[in-house]
Structures are given as structure tokens and as C-alpha cells.
Amino acid sequence: MRISAKQHYSFLIKPLLWLQKRHYGHPLNPALLWGRRPALFWLVAGFFGYLDRKSSPLTPVIRSLICVRVSQLNHCAFCVDANGMKLAERCDSVEKIKALAHWQQSELFSPEEQAVLGYTEAITVTGQQVTDTMLSTLKQWYDEDALVELTALIAFQNLSAKFNTALDVPAQGFCSLPIQPEQSAPHPTQPTNHTK
């Protein structure tokens, strides 16, 4: 990591770091960074906790597909690892998980998932834009309140992934599935060369 963990954390942070150590075997690397600023730490934790609650209008699989895809697009090793583990717990298709980086070429994703992933990429990839057609399509499954929450989750995961990527937060070995995009595959923002 580009910023080191502190030797001593605030008493406001220590209980959560202890819980993470108990659950995962060690505190999560991003928590060690956010924990340097306790107010930010709790704001971020509360924001994500709300977005990933059981009563969310978004299914657990949809939420995890969003988080992993944003993580892949931002090249966030920690996020792909941690969110990949959650997706593996929630999704009953290993093949779908492996195909996520190239979902446009896969028949494993439902029309709803395709619409959500297209919207996710339009928000995440520089140079792409959300269109009225995307929102109109999403309204087949989501009312306007749910669309606000869907957009908030995508925006939050971008914040998280960009934070971790900028500070070079490494993976922690949570997910053993090969869900990182292949290095040879073109990035969505890079044009492919079609000249002969």
C-alpha cells in the first residue's frame, strides 16, 4: 500500500478492526486506511451498509455483479477479490462469475442483469454516458426510488475502487475464482484497431 497502517488506531475504530480480524483472520486493508480518519471510516461503512442491506430493492446477486464489474473496470485488486468472494457466495453460477468481464458476449446474463451492467459501465467508464433509453429500459424492473439506489451503489463502488486503486491496496486472497479480466482483452475505453 502507498500509505502505511497506523501503529495505534482510535478507540472509535478498534472494535471494527477487531471484528474484521475475528471474521477474516486480519483487518481489511482498506479499513486500515479509512481508519486513519474515523469520521470518514464510519461514513463510508454506514453508506455501504445501507446499500447492501437485506431490504434493498436490488437483489444480492445484482448488487454483487455491480460491485465486481466496477472493481474490474477500475483495476482494483482488493475490490475484485473481496467483492468476488461475496458474488461467489450469492451466485449459483461459477460460469456466470467467470464471464462477467465479458458479459456482452455471454448468454448467461438475464435481460435485467444486462441492462444493469450496461448502466454500470456507462457511469463508470470515462467517455461513456447514461442515456434516456438505458433508464427507460431499467424502469421495466425498478421504480424511480430503486433507480436512485442503483445509481448510488454504482457511484459508491466507484469511490471505493478508485480509493483503493490510488493507494495500491492489494488483494487479500478471499476469492479463488479467476474473475479478473484477461490482460489481453481491450479496455472498454480503448478503441480496437479494425484496419487490415
Protein backbone atom coordinates (compact mmCIF):
# COMPACT_ATOMS: atom_id res chain seq x y z
CA MET A 1 0.00 0.00 0.00
CA ARG A 2 1.17 3.51 -0.69
CA ILE A 3 0.12 4.65 2.80
CA SER A 4 1.02 2.50 5.76
CA ALA A 5 -1.25 1.28 8.52
CA LYS A 6 -1.04 3.20 11.78
CA GLN A 7 0.60 1.73 14.85
CA HIS A 8 -2.35 2.77 17.03
CA TYR A 9 -5.93 3.44 15.97
CA SER A 10 -8.62 5.48 17.65
CA PHE A 11 -10.87 3.70 20.14
CA LEU A 12 -13.66 4.56 17.68
CA ILE A 13 -12.11 2.21 15.09
CA LYS A 14 -10.60 -0.59 17.17
CA PRO A 15 -13.83 -2.58 17.70
CA LEU A 16 -14.47 -2.93 13.96
CA LEU A 17 -10.85 -3.82 13.24
CA TRP A 18 -11.15 -6.48 15.94
CA LEU A 19 -14.34 -7.85 14.38
CA GLN A 20 -12.70 -7.97 10.94
CA LYS A 21 -9.72 -9.81 12.39
CA ARG A 22 -12.04 -12.30 14.05
CA HIS A 23 -14.10 -12.83 10.88
CA TYR A 24 -11.37 -12.72 8.19
CA GLY A 25 -8.22 -13.53 10.19
CA HIS A 26 -6.92 -9.97 9.86
CA PRO A 27 -8.32 -6.47 9.38
CA LEU A 28 -9.23 -5.49 5.82
CA ASN A 29 -6.56 -3.36 4.15
CA PRO A 30 -8.95 -0.52 3.19
CA ALA A 31 -10.20 -0.35 6.79
CA LEU A 32 -6.63 0.29 7.92
CA LEU A 33 -6.52 3.29 5.59
CA TRP A 34 -10.02 4.68 6.15
CA GLY A 35 -9.41 4.09 9.87
CA ARG A 36 -6.80 6.83 9.87
CA ARG A 37 -9.79 9.23 9.67
CA PRO A 38 -12.51 7.79 11.96
CA ALA A 39 -15.30 10.09 10.78
CA LEU A 40 -14.69 9.14 7.14
CA PHE A 41 -14.41 5.49 8.11
CA TRP A 42 -17.84 5.40 9.74
CA LEU A 43 -19.47 7.46 6.97
CA VAL A 44 -18.16 5.05 4.32
CA ALA A 45 -19.07 1.98 6.39
CA GLY A 46 -22.57 3.30 7.04
CA PHE A 47 -23.12 4.22 3.40
CA PHE A 48 -22.17 0.78 2.13
CA GLY A 49 -24.00 -0.97 4.97
CA TYR A 50 -27.21 0.79 3.92
CA LEU A 51 -26.74 0.00 0.22
CA ASP A 52 -26.06 -3.69 0.91
CA ARG A 53 -28.90 -4.23 3.41
CA LYS A 54 -31.31 -7.17 3.14
CA SER A 55 -34.28 -4.93 2.35
CA SER A 56 -32.57 -3.31 -0.65
CA PRO A 57 -34.72 -3.16 -3.79
CA LEU A 58 -31.74 -4.68 -5.63
CA THR A 59 -31.20 -8.42 -5.31
CA PRO A 60 -27.99 -9.61 -3.64
CA VAL A 61 -26.73 -11.04 -6.95
CA ILE A 62 -27.36 -7.76 -8.80
CA ARG A 63 -25.58 -5.82 -6.05
CA SER A 64 -22.58 -8.13 -6.24
CA LEU A 65 -22.46 -8.11 -10.06
CA ILE A 66 -22.33 -4.31 -9.93
CA CYS A 67 -19.58 -4.26 -7.31
CA VAL A 68 -17.38 -6.76 -9.13
CA ARG A 69 -17.85 -5.14 -12.54
CA VAL A 70 -16.99 -1.66 -11.22
CA SER A 71 -13.97 -3.21 -9.49
CA GLN A 72 -12.81 -4.82 -12.72
CA LEU A 73 -13.21 -1.60 -14.69
CA ASN A 74 -11.18 0.32 -12.09
CA HIS A 75 -8.49 -2.38 -11.89
CA CYS A 76 -8.96 -2.62 -8.13
CA ALA A 77 -7.28 -5.85 -6.98
CA PHE A 78 -8.70 -5.68 -3.45
CA CYS A 79 -12.23 -4.91 -4.66
CA VAL A 80 -12.29 -7.72 -7.22
CA ASP A 81 -11.03 -10.09 -4.53
CA ALA A 82 -13.43 -9.06 -1.75
CA ASN A 83 -16.47 -8.46 -3.97
CA GLY A 84 -15.70 -11.63 -5.93
CA MET A 85 -15.92 -13.63 -2.71
CA LYS A 86 -19.33 -12.09 -1.96
CA LEU A 87 -20.52 -12.77 -5.52
CA ALA A 88 -19.37 -16.39 -5.24
CA GLU A 89 -21.44 -16.72 -2.06
CA ARG A 90 -24.52 -15.20 -3.69
CA CYS A 91 -24.45 -16.50 -7.26
CA ASP A 92 -25.16 -20.14 -8.09
CA SER A 93 -23.26 -20.00 -11.41
CA VAL A 94 -19.47 -20.15 -11.44
CA GLU A 95 -19.58 -19.76 -15.22
CA LYS A 96 -21.52 -16.50 -14.91
CA ILE A 97 -18.94 -15.17 -12.45
CA LYS A 98 -16.09 -16.07 -14.79
CA ALA A 99 -17.92 -14.47 -17.75
CA LEU A 100 -18.63 -11.15 -16.01
CA ALA A 101 -15.68 -9.27 -17.52
CA HIS A 102 -17.08 -10.11 -20.98
CA TRP A 103 -20.79 -10.15 -20.14
CA GLN A 104 -21.76 -8.63 -23.51
CA GLN A 105 -20.58 -11.82 -25.27
CA SER A 106 -22.28 -14.18 -22.80
CA GLU A 107 -25.78 -15.67 -22.82
CA LEU A 108 -25.62 -16.31 -19.06
CA PHE A 109 -26.95 -12.89 -18.05
CA SER A 110 -30.65 -12.09 -17.89
CA PRO A 111 -32.06 -9.01 -19.68
CA GLU A 112 -32.27 -7.27 -16.28
CA GLU A 113 -28.62 -8.04 -15.50
CA GLN A 114 -27.57 -6.88 -18.96
CA ALA A 115 -29.42 -3.58 -18.51
CA VAL A 116 -27.85 -3.06 -15.07
CA LEU A 117 -24.35 -3.90 -16.31
CA GLY A 118 -24.70 -1.57 -19.31
CA TYR A 119 -25.81 1.22 -16.96
CA THR A 120 -22.94 0.40 -14.60
CA GLU A 121 -20.40 0.71 -17.39
CA ALA A 122 -21.94 3.95 -18.71
CA ILE A 123 -21.48 5.51 -15.27
CA THR A 124 -18.03 4.04 -14.64
CA VAL A 125 -16.13 4.26 -17.93
CA THR A 126 -14.81 7.69 -18.82
CA GLY A 127 -16.22 8.82 -22.15
CA GLN A 128 -19.43 6.81 -21.90
CA GLN A 129 -22.74 8.42 -20.99
CA VAL A 130 -26.02 7.33 -19.48
CA THR A 131 -28.85 7.63 -21.98
CA ASP A 132 -32.60 8.06 -21.58
CA THR A 133 -33.01 4.68 -23.28
CA MET A 134 -30.95 3.00 -20.54
CA LEU A 135 -33.15 4.46 -17.82
CA SER A 136 -36.30 3.62 -19.73
CA THR A 137 -35.14 0.01 -20.04
CA LEU A 138 -34.25 -0.18 -16.34
CA LYS A 139 -37.75 1.04 -15.43
CA GLN A 140 -39.05 -2.38 -16.51
CA TRP A 141 -37.63 -3.69 -13.21
CA TYR A 142 -37.05 -0.63 -10.99
CA ASP A 143 -39.13 2.31 -9.89
CA GLU A 144 -37.51 5.74 -9.55
CA ASP A 145 -36.58 5.25 -5.88
CA ALA A 146 -34.85 1.99 -6.74
CA LEU A 147 -33.05 3.69 -9.64
CA VAL A 148 -31.65 6.26 -7.21
CA GLU A 149 -30.38 3.43 -5.03
CA LEU A 150 -28.95 1.55 -8.03
CA THR A 151 -27.09 4.68 -9.11
CA ALA A 152 -25.85 5.29 -5.56
CA LEU A 153 -24.42 1.77 -5.34
CA ILE A 154 -22.55 2.18 -8.63
CA ALA A 155 -21.22 5.58 -7.53
CA PHE A 156 -20.20 4.22 -4.11
CA GLN A 157 -18.35 1.27 -5.61
CA ASN A 158 -16.51 3.67 -7.91
CA LEU A 159 -15.48 5.74 -4.87
CA SER A 160 -14.26 2.62 -3.09
CA ALA A 161 -12.43 1.15 -6.09
CA LYS A 162 -10.76 4.44 -7.03
CA PHE A 163 -9.66 4.99 -3.41
CA ASN A 164 -8.14 1.51 -3.23
CA THR A 165 -6.53 1.71 -6.67
CA ALA A 166 -4.97 5.11 -5.99
CA LEU A 167 -3.46 3.87 -2.72
CA ASP A 168 -2.47 0.48 -4.24
CA VAL A 169 -4.49 -1.63 -1.80
CA PRO A 170 -3.63 -5.28 -2.56
CA ALA A 171 -5.94 -8.28 -2.71
CA GLN A 172 -6.12 -10.33 0.47
CA GLY A 173 -6.78 -13.75 -1.04
CA PHE A 174 -10.52 -14.02 -0.41
CA CYS A 175 -11.68 -15.22 -3.82
CA SER A 176 -10.05 -18.15 -5.59
CA LEU A 177 -12.15 -17.84 -8.77
CA PRO A 178 -10.41 -16.41 -11.85
CA ILE A 179 -12.59 -13.33 -12.32
CA GLN A 180 -10.00 -10.72 -13.25
CA PRO A 181 -10.34 -9.60 -16.88
CA GLU A 182 -7.70 -11.04 -19.17
CA GLN A 183 -4.83 -8.61 -19.74
CA SER A 184 -5.05 -9.10 -23.50
CA ALA A 185 -8.70 -8.05 -23.63
CA PRO A 186 -9.17 -4.41 -24.72
CA HIS A 187 -10.38 -1.99 -22.06
CA PRO A 188 -13.87 -0.62 -22.88
CA THR A 189 -12.39 2.87 -23.33
CA GLN A 190 -9.70 1.69 -25.75
CA PRO A 191 -10.76 1.51 -29.39
CA THR A 192 -9.92 -1.71 -31.15
CA ASN A 193 -7.95 -1.49 -34.37
CA HIS A 194 -10.04 -2.72 -37.27
CA THR A 195 -7.61 -1.77 -40.04
CA LYS A 196 -6.24 -4.51 -42.25
